[in-house]
């Protein structure tokens, strides 16, 4: 279990899966996150089992005041080159814009640098997702590039931004806070 200022990151449990199914069927949540189609419980259970046996990923449930509110994790972990991709979402829309996502991201990034010995953590984000981009910048992520018309969603092409933070950049940021 990882303690943030506002959230706790804990192991995902089978009891969490109905929340993921509900969130990943919500059009607002799916605007910038998730698969291209709704997932049913059997598909979520299959994903959960695959994740538990995949050494290149680590997943957490995000909890706020004891309530499961979202998920985050690492994928594409590469121990040789000491980097991984991070992903995060808050599924409970009533809790959007309260700093929970930023706190969860800061918590998992610090865990990646301090305990998993990563040197670089990166992410992909829709160029139109200004709210998320602002949050990522607050945690120390810097823009690396833009993939033009990289993903088809909601009937049109979307640009994707790549952002990353290096261990020394995050350390300097937290040391100066």
C-alpha atoms as a PDB file:
ATOM      1  CA  UNK A   1       0.000   0.000   0.000  1.00  0.00           C
ATOM      2  CA  UNK A   2       1.295   3.459  -0.956  1.00  0.00           C
ATOM      3  CA  UNK A   3       0.123   6.534   0.933  1.00  0.00           C
ATOM      4  CA  UNK A   4      -0.307   9.822  -0.909  1.00  0.00           C
ATOM      5  CA  UNK A   5      -1.527  13.097   0.539  1.00  0.00           C
ATOM      6  CA  UNK A   6      -5.122  12.499  -0.617  1.00  0.00           C
ATOM      7  CA  UNK A   7      -5.190   8.914  -1.854  1.00  0.00           C
ATOM      8  CA  UNK A   8      -3.998   5.426  -1.047  1.00  0.00           C
ATOM      9  CA  UNK A   9      -2.705   3.158  -3.796  1.00  0.00           C
ATOM     10  CA  UNK A  10      -3.454  -0.440  -2.929  1.00  0.00           C
ATOM     11  CA  UNK A  11      -3.455  -3.756  -4.717  1.00  0.00           C
ATOM     12  CA  UNK A  12      -6.362  -4.226  -7.085  1.00  0.00           C
ATOM     13  CA  UNK A  13      -8.754  -6.926  -5.915  1.00  0.00           C
ATOM     14  CA  UNK A  14     -11.424  -8.953  -7.721  1.00  0.00           C
ATOM     15  CA  UNK A  15     -14.068  -6.994  -5.781  1.00  0.00           C
ATOM     16  CA  UNK A  16     -12.875  -3.840  -7.600  1.00  0.00           C
ATOM     17  CA  UNK A  17     -13.729  -5.200 -11.037  1.00  0.00           C
ATOM     18  CA  UNK A  18     -17.423  -4.172 -11.089  1.00  0.00           C
ATOM     19  CA  UNK A  19     -16.306  -0.560 -10.558  1.00  0.00           C
ATOM     20  CA  UNK A  20     -13.966  -0.786 -13.559  1.00  0.00           C
ATOM     21  CA  UNK A  21     -16.789  -2.247 -15.660  1.00  0.00           C
ATOM     22  CA  UNK A  22     -19.092   0.628 -14.645  1.00  0.00           C
ATOM     23  CA  UNK A  23     -16.459   3.300 -15.273  1.00  0.00           C
ATOM     24  CA  UNK A  24     -15.376   1.860 -18.613  1.00  0.00           C
ATOM     25  CA  UNK A  25     -18.954   2.000 -19.862  1.00  0.00           C
ATOM     26  CA  UNK A  26     -19.289   5.705 -19.084  1.00  0.00           C
ATOM     27  CA  UNK A  27     -18.884   7.899 -22.158  1.00  0.00           C
ATOM     28  CA  UNK A  28     -17.336  10.748 -20.149  1.00  0.00           C
ATOM     29  CA  UNK A  29     -14.670   8.447 -18.696  1.00  0.00           C
ATOM     30  CA  UNK A  30     -14.011   6.909 -22.123  1.00  0.00           C
ATOM     31  CA  UNK A  31     -13.470  10.293 -23.776  1.00  0.00           C
ATOM     32  CA  UNK A  32      -9.764  10.200 -22.979  1.00  0.00           C
ATOM     33  CA  UNK A  33      -9.192   6.827 -21.366  1.00  0.00           C
ATOM     34  CA  UNK A  34      -9.854   3.169 -21.792  1.00  0.00           C
ATOM     35  CA  UNK A  35     -10.536   0.713 -24.532  1.00  0.00           C
ATOM     36  CA  UNK A  36     -12.389   1.527 -27.725  1.00  0.00           C
ATOM     37  CA  UNK A  37     -15.351  -0.523 -26.549  1.00  0.00           C
ATOM     38  CA  UNK A  38     -17.171  -1.191 -23.267  1.00  0.00           C
ATOM     39  CA  UNK A  39     -15.881  -4.130 -21.223  1.00  0.00           C
ATOM     40  CA  UNK A  40     -18.064  -6.656 -19.456  1.00  0.00           C
ATOM     41  CA  UNK A  41     -17.221  -8.351 -16.159  1.00  0.00           C
ATOM     42  CA  UNK A  42     -15.845 -11.504 -17.816  1.00  0.00           C
ATOM     43  CA  UNK A  43     -13.447  -9.390 -19.906  1.00  0.00           C
ATOM     44  CA  UNK A  44     -12.337  -7.438 -16.837  1.00  0.00           C
ATOM     45  CA  UNK A  45     -11.746 -10.690 -14.942  1.00  0.00           C
ATOM     46  CA  UNK A  46      -9.631 -11.981 -17.844  1.00  0.00           C
ATOM     47  CA  UNK A  47      -7.639  -8.716 -17.887  1.00  0.00           C
ATOM     48  CA  UNK A  48      -7.144  -8.966 -14.110  1.00  0.00           C
ATOM     49  CA  UNK A  49      -5.774 -12.515 -14.379  1.00  0.00           C
ATOM     50  CA  UNK A  50      -3.395 -11.550 -17.206  1.00  0.00           C
ATOM     51  CA  UNK A  51      -2.122  -8.555 -15.224  1.00  0.00           C
ATOM     52  CA  UNK A  52      -1.406 -10.685 -12.173  1.00  0.00           C
ATOM     53  CA  UNK A  53       0.933 -12.889 -14.201  1.00  0.00           C
ATOM     54  CA  UNK A  54       2.561 -10.136 -16.288  1.00  0.00           C
ATOM     55  CA  UNK A  55       5.963  -9.123 -14.916  1.00  0.00           C
ATOM     56  CA  UNK A  56       6.068  -6.068 -17.188  1.00  0.00           C
ATOM     57  CA  UNK A  57       3.166  -4.365 -15.411  1.00  0.00           C
ATOM     58  CA  UNK A  58       2.108  -3.313 -11.907  1.00  0.00           C
ATOM     59  CA  UNK A  59      -1.413  -2.117 -11.144  1.00  0.00           C
ATOM     60  CA  UNK A  60      -2.957  -0.312  -8.209  1.00  0.00           C
ATOM     61  CA  UNK A  61      -6.480   0.614  -7.191  1.00  0.00           C
ATOM     62  CA  UNK A  62      -6.807   4.249  -6.142  1.00  0.00           C
ATOM     63  CA  UNK A  63      -8.753   4.758  -2.913  1.00  0.00           C
ATOM     64  CA  UNK A  64      -9.927   8.020  -1.360  1.00  0.00           C
ATOM     65  CA  UNK A  65     -11.415   7.993   2.137  1.00  0.00           C
ATOM     66  CA  UNK A  66     -11.828   4.235   1.870  1.00  0.00           C
ATOM     67  CA  UNK A  67     -13.683   4.396  -1.463  1.00  0.00           C
ATOM     68  CA  UNK A  68     -12.294   2.839  -4.654  1.00  0.00           C
ATOM     69  CA  UNK A  69     -12.187   5.767  -7.101  1.00  0.00           C
ATOM     70  CA  UNK A  70      -9.851   4.751  -9.935  1.00  0.00           C
ATOM     71  CA  UNK A  71      -6.782   2.909 -11.026  1.00  0.00           C
ATOM     72  CA  UNK A  72      -3.175   3.479 -11.981  1.00  0.00           C
ATOM     73  CA  UNK A  73      -0.147   1.452 -12.841  1.00  0.00           C
ATOM     74  CA  UNK A  74       2.944   0.776 -14.865  1.00  0.00           C
ATOM     75  CA  UNK A  75       3.129  -1.094 -18.127  1.00  0.00           C
ATOM     76  CA  UNK A  76       5.958  -1.841 -20.508  1.00  0.00           C
ATOM     77  CA  UNK A  77       8.373  -2.024 -17.574  1.00  0.00           C
ATOM     78  CA  UNK A  78      11.932  -2.361 -18.820  1.00  0.00           C
ATOM     79  CA  UNK A  79      14.379  -3.077 -15.992  1.00  0.00           C
ATOM     80  CA  UNK A  80      17.430  -3.089 -18.263  1.00  0.00           C
ATOM     81  CA  UNK A  81      16.817   0.485 -19.409  1.00  0.00           C
ATOM     82  CA  UNK A  82      15.081   1.447 -16.154  1.00  0.00           C
ATOM     83  CA  UNK A  83      11.919   2.921 -17.638  1.00  0.00           C
ATOM     84  CA  UNK A  84       8.184   2.287 -17.766  1.00  0.00           C
ATOM     85  CA  UNK A  85       4.961   3.794 -19.036  1.00  0.00           C
ATOM     86  CA  UNK A  86       2.500   5.046 -16.428  1.00  0.00           C
ATOM     87  CA  UNK A  87      -1.258   5.209 -16.753  1.00  0.00           C
ATOM     88  CA  UNK A  88      -3.905   6.638 -14.456  1.00  0.00           C
ATOM     89  CA  UNK A  89      -7.583   7.452 -14.296  1.00  0.00           C
ATOM     90  CA  UNK A  90     -10.159   8.553 -11.777  1.00  0.00           C
ATOM     91  CA  UNK A  91     -13.414   6.779 -12.617  1.00  0.00           C
ATOM     92  CA  UNK A  92     -15.654   8.502 -10.065  1.00  0.00           C
ATOM     93  CA  UNK A  93     -16.662  11.642 -11.960  1.00  0.00           C
ATOM     94  CA  UNK A  94     -17.984  13.326  -8.812  1.00  0.00           C
ATOM     95  CA  UNK A  95     -14.379  13.406  -7.589  1.00  0.00           C
ATOM     96  CA  UNK A  96     -12.820  14.893 -10.724  1.00  0.00           C
ATOM     97  CA  UNK A  97     -10.909  18.175 -10.371  1.00  0.00           C
ATOM     98  CA  UNK A  98     -10.114  17.636  -6.693  1.00  0.00           C
ATOM     99  CA  UNK A  99      -6.429  16.783  -7.068  1.00  0.00           C
ATOM    100  CA  UNK A 100      -6.841  13.034  -6.590  1.00  0.00           C
ATOM    101  CA  UNK A 101      -5.347  12.131  -9.965  1.00  0.00           C
ATOM    102  CA  UNK A 102      -2.353  14.388  -9.480  1.00  0.00           C
ATOM    103  CA  UNK A 103      -1.753  12.967  -5.996  1.00  0.00           C
ATOM    104  CA  UNK A 104      -2.050   9.396  -7.268  1.00  0.00           C
ATOM    105  CA  UNK A 105       0.352  10.158 -10.128  1.00  0.00           C
ATOM    106  CA  UNK A 106       2.903  11.802  -7.824  1.00  0.00           C
ATOM    107  CA  UNK A 107       2.655   8.826  -5.459  1.00  0.00           C
ATOM    108  CA  UNK A 108       3.159   6.188  -8.143  1.00  0.00           C
ATOM    109  CA  UNK A 109       5.963   8.183  -9.822  1.00  0.00           C
ATOM    110  CA  UNK A 110       7.839   8.517  -6.537  1.00  0.00           C
ATOM    111  CA  UNK A 111       7.367   4.769  -5.954  1.00  0.00           C
ATOM    112  CA  UNK A 112       8.787   4.096  -9.416  1.00  0.00           C
ATOM    113  CA  UNK A 113      11.901   6.128  -8.768  1.00  0.00           C
ATOM    114  CA  UNK A 114      12.486   5.275  -5.108  1.00  0.00           C
ATOM    115  CA  UNK A 115      11.563   1.575  -5.043  1.00  0.00           C
ATOM    116  CA  UNK A 116      11.607   0.256  -8.597  1.00  0.00           C
ATOM    117  CA  UNK A 117      14.810   2.105  -9.527  1.00  0.00           C
ATOM    118  CA  UNK A 118      13.388   3.659 -12.696  1.00  0.00           C
ATOM    119  CA  UNK A 119      15.346   6.399 -14.405  1.00  0.00           C
ATOM    120  CA  UNK A 120      12.560   7.543 -16.743  1.00  0.00           C
ATOM    121  CA  UNK A 121       8.775   7.358 -16.563  1.00  0.00           C
ATOM    122  CA  UNK A 122       6.701   8.266 -19.586  1.00  0.00           C
ATOM    123  CA  UNK A 123       3.069   8.523 -20.631  1.00  0.00           C
ATOM    124  CA  UNK A 124       0.805   9.191 -23.584  1.00  0.00           C
ATOM    125  CA  UNK A 125      -2.052  11.687 -23.445  1.00  0.00           C
ATOM    126  CA  UNK A 126      -4.604  13.031 -25.900  1.00  0.00           C
ATOM    127  CA  UNK A 127      -3.469  16.488 -27.030  1.00  0.00           C
ATOM    128  CA  UNK A 128      -6.971  17.832 -26.290  1.00  0.00           C
ATOM    129  CA  UNK A 129      -6.937  16.614 -22.672  1.00  0.00           C
ATOM    130  CA  UNK A 130      -5.765  19.925 -21.221  1.00  0.00           C
ATOM    131  CA  UNK A 131      -6.819  19.043 -17.673  1.00  0.00           C
ATOM    132  CA  UNK A 132      -4.643  15.920 -17.616  1.00  0.00           C
ATOM    133  CA  UNK A 133      -1.702  17.628 -19.323  1.00  0.00           C
ATOM    134  CA  UNK A 134      -1.737  20.379 -16.697  1.00  0.00           C
ATOM    135  CA  UNK A 135      -1.795  17.763 -13.928  1.00  0.00           C
ATOM    136  CA  UNK A 136       1.104  15.832 -15.490  1.00  0.00           C
ATOM    137  CA  UNK A 137       3.161  19.025 -15.792  1.00  0.00           C
ATOM    138  CA  UNK A 138       2.563  19.745 -12.082  1.00  0.00           C
ATOM    139  CA  UNK A 139       4.127  16.353 -11.253  1.00  0.00           C
ATOM    140  CA  UNK A 140       7.160  17.204 -13.425  1.00  0.00           C
ATOM    141  CA  UNK A 141       6.390  15.596 -16.773  1.00  0.00           C
ATOM    142  CA  UNK A 142       7.839  17.379 -19.777  1.00  0.00           C
ATOM    143  CA  UNK A 143       6.666  17.299 -23.373  1.00  0.00           C
ATOM    144  CA  UNK A 144       8.703  15.057 -25.646  1.00  0.00           C
ATOM    145  CA  UNK A 145       6.726  14.849 -28.827  1.00  0.00           C
ATOM    146  CA  UNK A 146       3.463  14.687 -30.698  1.00  0.00           C
ATOM    147  CA  UNK A 147       2.117  11.843 -32.756  1.00  0.00           C
ATOM    148  CA  UNK A 148      -0.201  13.432 -35.278  1.00  0.00           C
ATOM    149  CA  UNK A 149      -3.552  11.731 -35.873  1.00  0.00           C
ATOM    150  CA  UNK A 150      -2.350   8.744 -33.872  1.00  0.00           C
ATOM    151  CA  UNK A 151      -5.651   7.432 -32.539  1.00  0.00           C
ATOM    152  CA  UNK A 152      -9.137   7.135 -33.995  1.00  0.00           C
ATOM    153  CA  UNK A 153     -11.812   7.816 -31.413  1.00  0.00           C
ATOM    154  CA  UNK A 154     -15.359   9.199 -31.442  1.00  0.00           C
ATOM    155  CA  UNK A 155     -15.425   9.440 -35.215  1.00  0.00           C
ATOM    156  CA  UNK A 156     -12.231  11.410 -35.793  1.00  0.00           C
ATOM    157  CA  UNK A 157      -8.449  11.339 -35.502  1.00  0.00           C
ATOM    158  CA  UNK A 158      -6.687  12.621 -32.369  1.00  0.00           C
ATOM    159  CA  UNK A 159      -3.114  13.708 -31.798  1.00  0.00           C
ATOM    160  CA  UNK A 160      -1.263  12.052 -28.919  1.00  0.00           C
ATOM    161  CA  UNK A 161       1.403  13.745 -26.816  1.00  0.00           C
ATOM    162  CA  UNK A 162       4.314  11.898 -25.248  1.00  0.00           C
ATOM    163  CA  UNK A 163       5.588  13.219 -21.924  1.00  0.00           C
ATOM    164  CA  UNK A 164       8.192  11.984 -19.462  1.00  0.00           C
ATOM    165  CA  UNK A 165       9.923  12.773 -16.208  1.00  0.00           C
ATOM    166  CA  UNK A 166      13.438  11.720 -15.235  1.00  0.00           C
ATOM    167  CA  UNK A 167      14.388  10.647 -11.733  1.00  0.00           C
ATOM    168  CA  UNK A 168      16.665  13.643 -11.052  1.00  0.00           C
ATOM    169  CA  UNK A 169      13.992  16.077 -12.298  1.00  0.00           C
ATOM    170  CA  UNK A 170      11.391  14.672  -9.913  1.00  0.00           C
ATOM    171  CA  UNK A 171      13.861  14.562  -7.021  1.00  0.00           C
ATOM    172  CA  UNK A 172      14.818  18.221  -7.577  1.00  0.00           C
ATOM    173  CA  UNK A 173      11.142  19.146  -7.759  1.00  0.00           C
ATOM    174  CA  UNK A 174      10.259  17.418  -4.487  1.00  0.00           C
ATOM    175  CA  UNK A 175      13.427  18.643  -2.739  1.00  0.00           C
ATOM    176  CA  UNK A 176      12.469  22.240  -3.582  1.00  0.00           C
ATOM    177  CA  UNK A 177       8.832  21.858  -2.506  1.00  0.00           C
END
